[in-house]
Amino acid sequence: MHTNRFFMRAPVILAASLLCLSTVVQAAETEKTAKPDAPISAIIAVNEAIAIVNGKNIYATELVRAQKVMIPGQPGAQIPAEKKKEAEKHALNQLISAELLYQAAQKFEIKDIESQIDAKIAQGKKRFSTEQEFEKAIKALDINPAEMREYTRRDLLISNFIQQTIVSKIVVSEEESKKFYDQNIDKFKQEETVKASHILIGVDAKASDADKKKAKEKADKLRKEFADGADFATVAKINSTCPSSQQGGDLGFFGKGQMVPAFEKAAFTMKKGDISEVVETQFGYHIIKVTDKKSAEAVAFKDAKPRIDDYLKGQKVNEAINAYLEEARKNAKIEVLMK
């Protein structure tokens, strides 16, 4: 099951995205390839306010950064004017929502916020191979170190506010989890899997016929040893050219589609304890031993429950944040200056 774990983020996705350094890298690549029609930066000065939220300005430069993050770049792509306008409106709404949350969040103090800012930025930098790559990515969004620090501060305050006022109050009952499980049982199906070990006598697909024949003969000879009671793991450690030889050829459990067709066909048609005849693939010649099998079945509710709880809690948190923002907008003075 693929659960959605970004709760606490949905309404403030833009603010978070501007701080997610892996997204900054993507944005940097987008900058190289995307060719948006009439970019906002060509129409409005970047230091011009495009909205005012309770007396606090949101500037065009923030929307420019948001566009780079939110509009996916495709080489040579032209973004239609109507889609660009729609994306700009969505981005501006995100910025307004983030500003409303930030204004509320400032009432909740974080005592060690400076050290948390340092830690978060340091963690983000680790995603880059070098300091130069990090600086290049930040430059692509026209963010200087001071601005990065301020974005990080805002993100931490907003996250803390949401955690204290919303997340901490959300509860998912046993009945809710079970109902979701029963109504979505198809999402919890575990496909048939096989646990196998193998011995590979490797040979290049472009090898000569003579080399292939020699490798095949060696594999056939090894296969015969098992009729005399040879230990599979020992033979694999001595003869297999696969890195798995160090584990006696053990490949662990795997499902369909994870191995090359000929290997998969042999493994899934064998019974537990069986040793195959020599199987040829593009990697060479294999001898396969199936050591365990698991039939296709649904994951038990008790095992799926933690993921279900996370997913349902995420939905509830997003709904609560959206409800909070809807009410906050009613009581806020918001002026949109961008036409």
Protein backbone atom coordinates (compact mmCIF):
# COMPACT_ATOMS: atom_id res chain seq x y z
CA MET A 1 0.00 0.00 0.00
CA HIS A 2 1.26 3.45 -0.87
CA THR A 3 0.32 5.74 1.97
CA ASN A 4 0.57 9.50 1.89
CA ARG A 5 2.98 10.68 4.59
CA PHE A 6 3.15 14.40 3.83
CA PHE A 7 0.49 15.45 6.34
CA MET A 8 1.33 18.75 8.00
CA ARG A 9 2.49 19.86 4.56
CA ALA A 10 -0.37 20.07 2.07
CA PRO A 11 -1.56 23.68 2.63
CA VAL A 12 2.00 24.92 3.07
CA ILE A 13 3.55 22.82 0.34
CA LEU A 14 4.99 25.86 -1.38
CA ALA A 15 6.70 27.21 1.73
CA ALA A 16 8.11 23.77 2.43
CA SER A 17 9.17 23.25 -1.18
CA LEU A 18 11.24 26.40 -1.18
CA LEU A 19 13.16 24.93 1.74
CA CYS A 20 13.41 21.34 0.52
CA LEU A 21 16.89 21.37 -0.95
CA SER A 22 16.32 18.34 -3.17
CA THR A 23 13.44 20.30 -4.72
CA VAL A 24 15.79 23.24 -5.16
CA VAL A 25 17.99 21.00 -7.31
CA GLN A 26 14.98 20.07 -9.42
CA ALA A 27 14.09 23.72 -9.67
CA ALA A 28 17.61 24.49 -10.86
CA GLU A 29 17.27 21.92 -13.63
CA THR A 30 13.83 23.31 -14.50
CA GLU A 31 15.38 26.74 -14.90
CA LYS A 32 17.67 25.34 -17.61
CA THR A 33 14.94 23.62 -19.62
CA ALA A 34 11.56 25.23 -19.09
CA LYS A 35 10.51 28.15 -21.26
CA PRO A 36 7.43 29.64 -19.62
CA ASP A 37 5.42 32.03 -21.72
CA ALA A 38 5.62 35.58 -20.36
CA PRO A 39 7.27 34.88 -16.97
CA ILE A 40 6.04 36.95 -14.06
CA SER A 41 9.52 38.43 -13.67
CA ALA A 42 9.21 39.98 -17.13
CA ILE A 43 5.95 41.70 -16.22
CA ILE A 44 6.33 42.82 -12.61
CA ALA A 45 9.44 44.05 -10.83
CA VAL A 46 10.61 41.36 -8.41
CA ASN A 47 10.61 43.80 -5.51
CA GLU A 48 6.99 44.82 -6.13
CA ALA A 49 4.26 43.63 -3.77
CA ILE A 50 1.67 41.35 -5.41
CA ALA A 51 -0.46 40.79 -2.30
CA ILE A 52 -0.87 42.15 1.21
CA VAL A 53 -1.95 39.89 4.08
CA ASN A 54 -2.88 41.73 7.27
CA GLY A 55 -0.45 44.49 6.36
CA LYS A 56 2.41 42.14 5.37
CA ASN A 57 3.60 42.24 1.77
CA ILE A 58 4.12 39.23 -0.48
CA TYR A 59 6.57 40.17 -3.20
CA ALA A 60 6.81 39.12 -6.84
CA THR A 61 10.21 37.56 -6.19
CA GLU A 62 8.49 34.96 -3.99
CA LEU A 63 6.13 34.08 -6.81
CA VAL A 64 9.05 33.81 -9.23
CA ARG A 65 10.70 31.29 -6.92
CA ALA A 66 7.42 29.45 -6.49
CA GLN A 67 6.97 29.19 -10.26
CA LYS A 68 10.40 27.63 -10.64
CA VAL A 69 9.56 25.03 -8.02
CA MET A 70 5.96 24.29 -8.96
CA ILE A 71 6.03 24.31 -12.78
CA PRO A 72 7.71 21.10 -14.01
CA GLY A 73 10.27 21.74 -16.72
CA GLN A 74 10.39 19.78 -19.94
CA PRO A 75 13.16 20.42 -22.48
CA GLY A 76 11.93 22.93 -25.03
CA ALA A 77 8.44 23.03 -23.55
CA GLN A 78 6.26 26.09 -23.95
CA ILE A 79 3.74 26.61 -21.16
CA PRO A 80 0.36 27.85 -22.46
CA ALA A 81 -0.65 31.27 -21.14
CA GLU A 82 -3.88 30.00 -19.56
CA LYS A 83 -2.06 27.22 -17.68
CA LYS A 84 0.63 29.63 -16.55
CA LYS A 85 -1.99 32.03 -15.21
CA GLU A 86 -3.71 29.18 -13.37
CA ALA A 87 -0.38 28.03 -11.89
CA GLU A 88 0.42 31.58 -10.77
CA LYS A 89 -2.95 31.88 -9.05
CA HIS A 90 -2.41 28.56 -7.28
CA ALA A 91 1.09 29.57 -6.20
CA LEU A 92 -0.14 32.93 -4.89
CA ASN A 93 -2.88 31.20 -2.89
CA GLN A 94 -0.23 28.94 -1.39
CA LEU A 95 1.87 31.95 -0.45
CA ILE A 96 -1.13 33.65 1.16
CA SER A 97 -1.96 30.49 3.12
CA ALA A 98 1.65 30.18 4.27
CA GLU A 99 1.65 33.82 5.39
CA LEU A 100 -1.55 33.35 7.39
CA LEU A 101 -0.09 30.29 9.09
CA TYR A 102 3.20 32.09 9.75
CA GLN A 103 1.44 35.05 11.35
CA ALA A 104 -0.41 32.71 13.70
CA ALA A 105 2.70 30.61 14.31
CA GLN A 106 4.74 33.53 15.65
CA LYS A 107 2.68 33.37 18.85
CA PHE A 108 4.18 29.95 19.61
CA GLU A 109 7.77 30.25 20.75
CA ILE A 110 10.46 27.69 19.90
CA LYS A 111 13.21 28.15 22.48
CA ASP A 112 16.05 26.50 20.53
CA ILE A 113 14.95 27.67 17.09
CA GLU A 114 18.39 28.96 16.03
CA SER A 115 19.99 25.55 16.59
CA GLN A 116 17.07 23.89 14.81
CA ILE A 117 17.58 26.20 11.83
CA ASP A 118 21.28 25.28 11.75
CA ALA A 119 20.46 21.58 11.89
CA LYS A 120 17.83 21.73 9.15
CA ILE A 121 20.08 23.65 6.76
CA ALA A 122 22.98 21.30 7.49
CA GLN A 123 20.73 18.32 6.82
CA GLY A 124 19.67 19.83 3.51
CA LYS A 125 23.26 20.44 2.45
CA LYS A 126 24.04 16.75 2.90
CA ARG A 127 21.86 15.99 -0.09
CA PHE A 128 24.44 17.69 -2.30
CA SER A 129 27.75 16.14 -3.25
CA THR A 130 29.67 19.40 -2.77
CA GLU A 131 29.23 22.86 -1.26
CA GLN A 132 29.46 24.25 -4.81
CA GLU A 133 26.46 22.17 -5.92
CA PHE A 134 24.45 23.47 -2.98
CA GLU A 135 25.34 27.08 -3.75
CA LYS A 136 24.51 26.55 -7.43
CA ALA A 137 21.06 25.18 -6.58
CA ILE A 138 20.30 28.05 -4.19
CA LYS A 139 21.48 30.57 -6.76
CA ALA A 140 19.03 29.13 -9.29
CA LEU A 141 16.21 30.38 -7.04
CA ASP A 142 17.93 33.69 -6.27
CA ILE A 143 18.02 32.87 -2.56
CA ASN A 144 20.92 34.14 -0.46
CA PRO A 145 21.99 32.53 2.85
CA ALA A 146 20.03 35.05 4.92
CA GLU A 147 16.85 34.39 2.94
CA MET A 148 17.37 30.63 3.21
CA ARG A 149 17.66 31.02 6.96
CA GLU A 150 14.47 33.08 7.08
CA TYR A 151 12.53 30.54 4.98
CA THR A 152 13.77 27.80 7.31
CA ARG A 153 12.67 29.81 10.36
CA ARG A 154 9.21 30.29 8.88
CA ASP A 155 8.90 26.61 8.02
CA LEU A 156 9.88 25.51 11.52
CA LEU A 157 7.45 27.93 13.14
CA ILE A 158 4.60 26.84 10.88
CA SER A 159 5.34 23.16 11.49
CA ASN A 160 5.44 23.75 15.25
CA PHE A 161 2.14 25.66 15.12
CA ILE A 162 0.41 22.90 13.15
CA GLN A 163 1.83 20.23 15.44
CA GLN A 164 0.65 21.94 18.61
CA THR A 165 -2.75 23.18 17.49
CA ILE A 166 -3.85 20.47 15.04
CA VAL A 167 -1.76 17.30 14.82
CA SER A 168 -1.62 16.71 18.57
CA LYS A 169 -5.42 16.70 18.72
CA ILE A 170 -6.05 14.29 15.84
CA VAL A 171 -7.10 10.74 16.76
CA VAL A 172 -7.78 7.78 14.45
CA SER A 173 -10.00 5.15 16.02
CA GLU A 174 -9.70 1.39 15.63
CA GLU A 175 -13.09 1.37 13.91
CA GLU A 176 -11.97 3.94 11.33
CA SER A 177 -8.82 1.98 10.51
CA LYS A 178 -10.70 -1.31 10.19
CA LYS A 179 -13.36 0.26 7.97
CA PHE A 180 -10.67 1.65 5.65
CA TYR A 181 -8.95 -1.74 5.58
CA ASP A 182 -12.16 -3.61 4.72
CA GLN A 183 -13.15 -1.11 2.02
CA ASN A 184 -9.69 -1.12 0.42
CA ILE A 185 -8.61 -4.73 0.83
CA ASP A 186 -7.22 -4.76 -2.74
CA LYS A 187 -4.59 -2.23 -1.63
CA PHE A 188 -3.21 -4.65 0.94
CA LYS A 189 -2.58 -7.65 -1.27
CA GLN A 190 0.86 -9.21 -1.03
CA GLU A 191 1.91 -10.94 -4.23
CA GLU A 192 3.46 -14.39 -4.36
CA THR A 193 7.16 -14.32 -3.51
CA VAL A 194 9.99 -16.81 -3.70
CA LYS A 195 13.17 -17.08 -1.68
CA ALA A 196 15.98 -18.61 -3.67
CA SER A 197 19.70 -19.14 -3.83
CA HIS A 198 21.66 -19.59 -7.03
CA ILE A 199 25.01 -20.46 -8.46
CA LEU A 200 26.06 -18.39 -11.47
CA ILE A 201 28.72 -19.41 -13.91
CA GLY A 202 29.02 -16.04 -15.56
CA VAL A 203 29.75 -15.58 -19.23
CA ASP A 204 29.36 -12.49 -21.39
CA ALA A 205 26.47 -12.55 -23.85
CA LYS A 206 28.96 -11.66 -26.60
CA ALA A 207 31.40 -14.42 -25.63
CA SER A 208 32.51 -16.96 -28.19
CA ASP A 209 30.66 -20.23 -28.63
CA ALA A 210 33.66 -22.02 -27.16
CA ASP A 211 33.59 -19.91 -23.98
CA LYS A 212 29.84 -20.40 -23.61
CA LYS A 213 30.23 -24.15 -24.06
CA LYS A 214 32.95 -24.25 -21.40
CA ALA A 215 30.77 -22.31 -18.93
CA LYS A 216 27.77 -24.54 -19.63
CA GLU A 217 29.83 -27.67 -19.08
CA LYS A 218 31.03 -26.36 -15.73
CA ALA A 219 27.46 -25.59 -14.68
CA ASP A 220 26.30 -29.07 -15.73
CA LYS A 221 29.12 -30.64 -13.74
CA LEU A 222 28.23 -28.67 -10.62
CA ARG A 223 24.56 -29.58 -11.00
CA LYS A 224 25.45 -33.27 -10.87
CA GLU A 225 27.21 -32.80 -7.52
CA PHE A 226 23.88 -32.23 -5.81
CA ALA A 227 22.74 -35.74 -6.71
CA ASP A 228 25.59 -36.92 -4.47
CA GLY A 229 24.45 -34.70 -1.58
CA ALA A 230 26.74 -31.67 -2.04
CA ASP A 231 25.87 -28.62 0.10
CA PHE A 232 24.41 -25.89 -2.10
CA ALA A 233 25.77 -22.95 -0.09
CA THR A 234 29.28 -24.39 -0.01
CA VAL A 235 29.31 -25.02 -3.78
CA ALA A 236 27.99 -21.48 -4.36
CA LYS A 237 30.69 -19.87 -2.20
CA ILE A 238 33.44 -21.69 -4.10
CA ASN A 239 32.14 -21.49 -7.67
CA SER A 240 29.51 -18.79 -8.18
CA THR A 241 30.62 -15.59 -9.94
CA CYS A 242 27.68 -13.63 -8.49
CA PRO A 243 28.36 -11.34 -5.47
CA SER A 244 25.69 -13.37 -3.65
CA SER A 245 28.25 -16.18 -3.42
CA GLN A 246 29.42 -14.64 -0.14
CA GLN A 247 25.98 -15.50 1.30
CA GLY A 248 26.00 -18.97 -0.19
CA GLY A 249 24.09 -17.72 -3.21
CA ASP A 250 21.15 -16.42 -1.14
CA LEU A 251 19.08 -13.83 -3.05
CA GLY A 252 16.40 -13.41 -0.39
CA PHE A 253 12.72 -13.08 -1.26
CA PHE A 254 11.66 -11.57 -4.60
CA GLY A 255 8.42 -11.11 -6.48
CA LYS A 256 7.52 -11.41 -10.12
CA GLY A 257 9.14 -8.85 -12.38
CA GLN A 258 12.29 -8.53 -10.27
CA MET A 259 14.37 -11.16 -12.05
CA VAL A 260 15.09 -11.78 -15.72
CA PRO A 261 12.33 -13.85 -17.39
CA ALA A 262 14.12 -17.22 -17.69
CA PHE A 263 15.29 -17.08 -14.06
CA GLU A 264 11.86 -15.99 -12.81
CA LYS A 265 10.02 -18.69 -14.77
CA ALA A 266 12.19 -21.42 -13.30
CA ALA A 267 12.03 -20.12 -9.71
CA PHE A 268 8.26 -19.65 -9.60
CA THR A 269 7.48 -23.09 -11.08
CA MET A 270 9.70 -24.94 -8.58
CA LYS A 271 8.71 -26.29 -5.18
CA LYS A 272 10.43 -25.46 -1.90
CA GLY A 273 13.66 -27.44 -1.67
CA ASP A 274 13.91 -28.08 -5.43
CA ILE A 275 17.16 -27.50 -7.33
CA SER A 276 16.74 -26.54 -10.97
CA GLU A 277 18.47 -27.82 -14.03
CA VAL A 278 20.91 -25.33 -15.58
CA VAL A 279 19.09 -22.13 -16.62
CA GLU A 280 20.60 -19.83 -19.25
CA THR A 281 20.20 -16.02 -19.11
CA GLN A 282 22.14 -13.11 -20.55
CA PHE A 283 24.37 -13.27 -17.47
CA GLY A 284 25.46 -16.87 -17.95
CA TYR A 285 24.32 -20.20 -16.52
CA HIS A 286 22.41 -20.55 -13.23
CA ILE A 287 21.57 -23.35 -10.87
CA ILE A 288 18.65 -22.29 -8.69
CA LYS A 289 17.52 -23.63 -5.33
CA VAL A 290 14.16 -22.51 -3.94
CA THR A 291 14.45 -22.26 -0.16
CA ASP A 292 11.03 -20.79 0.67
CA LYS A 293 7.80 -19.61 -0.93
CA LYS A 294 4.99 -17.29 0.18
CA SER A 295 1.60 -17.45 -1.50
CA ALA A 296 -0.27 -14.36 -2.59
CA GLU A 297 -2.39 -13.11 0.31
CA ALA A 298 -3.72 -10.00 1.97
CA VAL A 299 -1.58 -8.32 4.61
CA ALA A 300 -3.19 -8.85 8.02
CA PHE A 301 -5.01 -5.85 9.50
CA LYS A 302 -2.72 -5.72 12.54
CA ASP A 303 0.30 -5.39 10.21
CA ALA A 304 -1.35 -2.81 7.96
CA LYS A 305 -2.84 -0.73 10.80
CA PRO A 306 0.18 1.55 11.47
CA ARG A 307 0.25 2.63 7.81
CA ILE A 308 -3.51 3.06 7.71
CA ASP A 309 -3.42 5.19 10.87
CA ASP A 310 -0.72 7.41 9.34
CA TYR A 311 -2.71 7.81 6.14
CA LEU A 312 -6.01 8.60 7.86
CA LYS A 313 -4.32 10.95 10.29
CA GLY A 314 -2.76 12.74 7.34
CA GLN A 315 -6.16 13.19 5.74
CA LYS A 316 -7.66 14.53 8.96
CA VAL A 317 -4.78 16.94 9.48
CA ASN A 318 -5.08 18.28 5.94
CA GLU A 319 -8.82 18.75 6.36
CA ALA A 320 -8.26 20.55 9.68
CA ILE A 321 -5.63 22.85 8.18
CA ASN A 322 -7.88 23.68 5.24
CA ALA A 323 -10.74 24.43 7.63
CA TYR A 324 -8.45 26.65 9.72
CA LEU A 325 -7.28 28.55 6.65
CA GLU A 326 -10.83 29.01 5.37
CA GLU A 327 -11.78 30.63 8.67
CA ALA A 328 -8.53 32.63 8.83
CA ARG A 329 -9.18 34.10 5.39
CA LYS A 330 -12.63 35.29 6.51
CA ASN A 331 -11.09 37.23 9.40
CA ALA A 332 -8.00 38.47 7.54
CA LYS A 333 -7.51 41.55 5.42
CA ILE A 334 -6.15 40.24 2.12
CA GLU A 335 -5.44 42.44 -0.88
CA VAL A 336 -4.38 40.83 -4.17
CA LEU A 337 -2.53 43.44 -6.23
CA MET A 338 -1.45 41.25 -9.13
CA LYS A 339 -3.85 41.37 -12.07
